[in-house]
C-alpha cells in the first residue's frame, strides 16, 4: 500500500512539474513614444514663470536623426 501511494505521489509531482506556470512566464514590455518623465505634471509655476513640458521628438543633427528627450521650458 505504501509503495502504491509513493508511486502515485511521485507521478503527481512529475505531472505538476510539466505544467507551465504563469509566474514563470516571460514578460516583454515595449513602450513607444516619449514617456512623461516630468515630476511636476504638464506644467507648473516657479518664481512667477509658468513652465510647460515639451515632449520628446526626433530631429536632424549632423545628417542623422536623433531623439531629443522631453524637457520643461518657459513660455
N, C-alpha and C. Protein backbone atom coordinates (compact mmCIF):
# COMPACT_ATOMS: atom_id res chain seq x y z
N UNK A 1 0.82 -1.19 0.00
CA UNK A 1 0.00 0.00 0.00
C UNK A 1 0.86 1.26 0.00
N UNK A 2 1.91 1.25 0.83
CA UNK A 2 2.80 2.41 0.88
C UNK A 2 3.51 2.61 -0.46
N UNK A 3 3.84 1.50 -1.11
CA UNK A 3 4.51 1.59 -2.40
C UNK A 3 3.61 2.26 -3.44
N UNK A 4 2.33 1.89 -3.47
CA UNK A 4 1.39 2.47 -4.43
C UNK A 4 1.20 3.95 -4.16
N UNK A 5 1.12 4.33 -2.89
CA UNK A 5 0.95 5.74 -2.52
C UNK A 5 2.19 6.55 -2.92
N UNK A 6 3.37 5.99 -2.72
CA UNK A 6 4.60 6.68 -3.10
C UNK A 6 4.69 6.85 -4.61
N UNK A 7 4.30 5.82 -5.36
CA UNK A 7 4.33 5.91 -6.81
C UNK A 7 3.31 6.94 -7.30
N UNK A 8 2.13 6.97 -6.67
CA UNK A 8 1.11 7.93 -7.05
C UNK A 8 1.58 9.36 -6.78
N UNK A 9 2.16 9.60 -5.61
CA UNK A 9 2.67 10.95 -5.28
C UNK A 9 3.81 11.36 -6.23
N UNK A 10 4.69 10.42 -6.55
CA UNK A 10 5.79 10.72 -7.47
C UNK A 10 5.24 11.06 -8.85
N UNK A 11 4.22 10.34 -9.30
CA UNK A 11 3.62 10.61 -10.61
C UNK A 11 2.95 11.98 -10.63
N UNK A 12 2.26 12.32 -9.55
CA UNK A 12 1.62 13.64 -9.47
C UNK A 12 2.65 14.76 -9.46
N UNK A 13 3.75 14.55 -8.76
CA UNK A 13 4.78 15.58 -8.71
C UNK A 13 5.42 15.77 -10.08
N UNK A 14 5.65 14.68 -10.80
CA UNK A 14 6.22 14.79 -12.15
C UNK A 14 5.25 15.47 -13.10
N UNK A 15 3.97 15.14 -12.98
CA UNK A 15 2.97 15.76 -13.85
C UNK A 15 2.85 17.25 -13.55
N UNK A 16 2.95 17.61 -12.27
CA UNK A 16 2.88 19.02 -11.90
C UNK A 16 4.09 19.81 -12.37
N UNK A 17 5.22 19.15 -12.49
CA UNK A 17 6.43 19.83 -12.94
C UNK A 17 6.37 20.13 -14.43
N UNK A 18 5.58 19.37 -15.18
CA UNK A 18 5.49 19.57 -16.63
C UNK A 18 4.50 20.66 -17.01
N UNK A 19 3.64 21.07 -16.11
CA UNK A 19 2.64 22.09 -16.40
C UNK A 19 3.31 23.46 -16.31
N UNK A 20 3.23 24.27 -17.36
CA UNK A 20 3.84 25.60 -17.27
C UNK A 20 3.11 26.48 -16.27
N UNK A 21 3.87 27.24 -15.54
CA UNK A 21 3.31 28.12 -14.52
C UNK A 21 3.29 29.54 -15.06
N UNK A 22 2.25 30.26 -14.74
CA UNK A 22 2.15 31.64 -15.22
C UNK A 22 3.16 32.54 -14.55
N UNK A 23 3.60 32.19 -13.33
CA UNK A 23 4.58 33.03 -12.64
C UNK A 23 5.94 32.95 -13.32
N UNK A 24 6.21 31.85 -14.03
CA UNK A 24 7.49 31.69 -14.70
C UNK A 24 7.46 32.20 -16.13
N UNK A 25 6.35 32.76 -16.56
CA UNK A 25 6.22 33.22 -17.94
C UNK A 25 7.11 34.43 -18.18
N UNK A 26 7.58 34.55 -19.39
CA UNK A 26 8.42 35.67 -19.79
C UNK A 26 7.54 36.85 -20.13
N UNK A 27 7.87 38.01 -19.61
CA UNK A 27 7.12 39.23 -19.91
C UNK A 27 7.99 40.17 -20.73
N UNK A 28 7.40 40.70 -21.77
CA UNK A 28 8.08 41.68 -22.61
C UNK A 28 7.21 42.92 -22.66
N UNK A 29 7.79 44.06 -22.34
CA UNK A 29 7.06 45.32 -22.35
C UNK A 29 7.76 46.26 -23.33
N UNK A 30 7.03 46.68 -24.35
CA UNK A 30 7.58 47.60 -25.34
C UNK A 30 6.79 48.90 -25.26
N UNK A 31 7.49 49.98 -25.00
CA UNK A 31 6.85 51.29 -24.93
C UNK A 31 7.33 52.13 -26.11
N UNK A 32 6.40 52.69 -26.84
CA UNK A 32 6.73 53.52 -28.00
C UNK A 32 6.28 54.94 -27.70
N UNK A 33 7.17 55.89 -27.95
CA UNK A 33 6.84 57.28 -27.70
C UNK A 33 7.59 57.82 -26.50
N UNK A 34 7.33 59.05 -26.20
CA UNK A 34 8.01 59.72 -25.10
C UNK A 34 7.23 59.47 -23.81
N UNK A 35 7.86 58.87 -22.86
CA UNK A 35 7.21 58.65 -21.58
C UNK A 35 7.22 59.97 -20.81
N UNK A 36 6.21 60.25 -20.02
CA UNK A 36 6.18 61.51 -19.27
C UNK A 36 7.15 61.45 -18.09
N UNK A 37 8.36 61.92 -18.33
CA UNK A 37 9.38 61.92 -17.28
C UNK A 37 9.21 63.11 -16.34
N UNK A 38 8.21 63.93 -16.59
CA UNK A 38 8.06 65.11 -15.77
C UNK A 38 7.69 64.74 -14.34
N UNK A 39 8.12 65.58 -13.42
CA UNK A 39 7.86 65.35 -12.00
C UNK A 39 6.77 66.28 -11.47
N UNK A 40 6.50 67.37 -12.15
CA UNK A 40 5.53 68.37 -11.68
C UNK A 40 4.20 68.29 -12.41
N UNK A 41 4.10 67.48 -13.46
CA UNK A 41 2.90 67.45 -14.27
C UNK A 41 3.16 68.15 -15.59
N UNK A 42 2.12 68.39 -16.40
CA UNK A 42 2.36 69.00 -17.70
C UNK A 42 2.79 70.47 -17.62
N UNK A 43 2.57 71.11 -16.50
CA UNK A 43 3.06 72.48 -16.29
C UNK A 43 3.11 72.77 -14.80
N UNK A 44 3.90 73.78 -14.41
CA UNK A 44 3.97 74.21 -13.02
C UNK A 44 4.50 75.64 -12.96
N UNK A 45 4.25 76.29 -11.83
CA UNK A 45 4.72 77.65 -11.60
C UNK A 45 6.02 77.60 -10.81
N UNK A 46 6.99 78.46 -11.19
CA UNK A 46 8.23 78.59 -10.44
C UNK A 46 8.69 80.05 -10.53
N UNK A 47 8.67 80.74 -9.41
CA UNK A 47 9.09 82.15 -9.32
C UNK A 47 8.33 83.03 -10.31
N UNK A 48 7.03 82.80 -10.43
CA UNK A 48 6.19 83.62 -11.29
C UNK A 48 6.26 83.26 -12.77
N UNK A 49 6.97 82.20 -13.12
CA UNK A 49 7.09 81.77 -14.51
C UNK A 49 6.38 80.42 -14.63
N UNK A 50 5.58 80.27 -15.69
CA UNK A 50 4.90 79.01 -15.91
C UNK A 50 5.73 78.15 -16.85
N UNK A 51 6.16 76.97 -16.38
CA UNK A 51 6.99 76.05 -17.14
C UNK A 51 6.11 74.94 -17.71
N UNK A 52 6.27 74.66 -19.03
CA UNK A 52 5.48 73.65 -19.72
C UNK A 52 6.38 72.49 -20.12
N UNK A 53 5.79 71.30 -20.10
CA UNK A 53 6.51 70.11 -20.55
C UNK A 53 6.49 70.05 -22.07
N UNK A 54 7.66 69.96 -22.67
CA UNK A 54 7.81 69.81 -24.11
C UNK A 54 8.15 68.33 -24.36
N UNK A 55 7.27 67.59 -25.05
CA UNK A 55 7.55 66.16 -25.26
C UNK A 55 8.75 65.95 -26.16
N UNK A 56 9.34 64.76 -26.06
CA UNK A 56 10.49 64.41 -26.90
C UNK A 56 10.09 64.27 -28.36
N UNK A 57 11.09 64.39 -29.23
CA UNK A 57 10.84 64.31 -30.66
C UNK A 57 12.14 63.97 -31.39
N UNK A 58 12.00 63.54 -32.63
CA UNK A 58 13.18 63.30 -33.47
C UNK A 58 13.55 64.59 -34.18
N UNK A 59 14.86 64.81 -34.34
CA UNK A 59 15.35 65.99 -35.04
C UNK A 59 16.61 65.59 -35.82
N UNK A 60 16.91 66.38 -36.86
CA UNK A 60 18.11 66.15 -37.66
C UNK A 60 19.29 66.87 -37.02
N UNK A 61 20.34 66.13 -36.73
CA UNK A 61 21.59 66.69 -36.21
C UNK A 61 22.75 66.05 -36.96
N UNK A 62 23.52 66.85 -37.70
CA UNK A 62 24.69 66.38 -38.44
C UNK A 62 24.32 65.22 -39.38
N UNK A 63 23.27 65.41 -40.15
CA UNK A 63 22.81 64.47 -41.16
C UNK A 63 22.30 63.14 -40.58
N UNK A 64 21.90 63.14 -39.31
CA UNK A 64 21.35 61.95 -38.66
C UNK A 64 20.13 62.37 -37.84
N UNK A 65 19.18 61.46 -37.79
CA UNK A 65 18.04 61.72 -36.91
C UNK A 65 18.39 61.24 -35.51
N UNK A 66 18.18 62.11 -34.54
CA UNK A 66 18.45 61.78 -33.14
C UNK A 66 17.20 62.08 -32.32
N UNK A 67 17.08 61.41 -31.18
CA UNK A 67 15.96 61.61 -30.28
C UNK A 67 16.30 62.72 -29.30
N UNK A 68 15.46 63.75 -29.26
CA UNK A 68 15.58 64.84 -28.30
C UNK A 68 14.63 64.52 -27.15
N UNK A 69 15.13 64.27 -25.95
CA UNK A 69 14.23 63.91 -24.85
C UNK A 69 13.36 65.09 -24.43
N UNK A 70 12.25 64.78 -23.78
CA UNK A 70 11.36 65.82 -23.29
C UNK A 70 12.01 66.65 -22.18
N UNK A 71 11.53 67.89 -22.05
CA UNK A 71 12.09 68.79 -21.04
C UNK A 71 11.08 69.89 -20.73
N UNK A 72 11.32 70.59 -19.63
CA UNK A 72 10.50 71.74 -19.29
C UNK A 72 11.07 73.00 -19.93
N UNK A 73 10.18 73.89 -20.38
CA UNK A 73 10.61 75.16 -20.97
C UNK A 73 9.60 76.22 -20.57
N UNK A 74 10.10 77.44 -20.34
CA UNK A 74 9.22 78.56 -20.00
C UNK A 74 8.64 79.13 -21.31
N UNK A 75 7.36 79.46 -21.28
CA UNK A 75 6.73 80.06 -22.45
C UNK A 75 6.26 81.44 -22.14
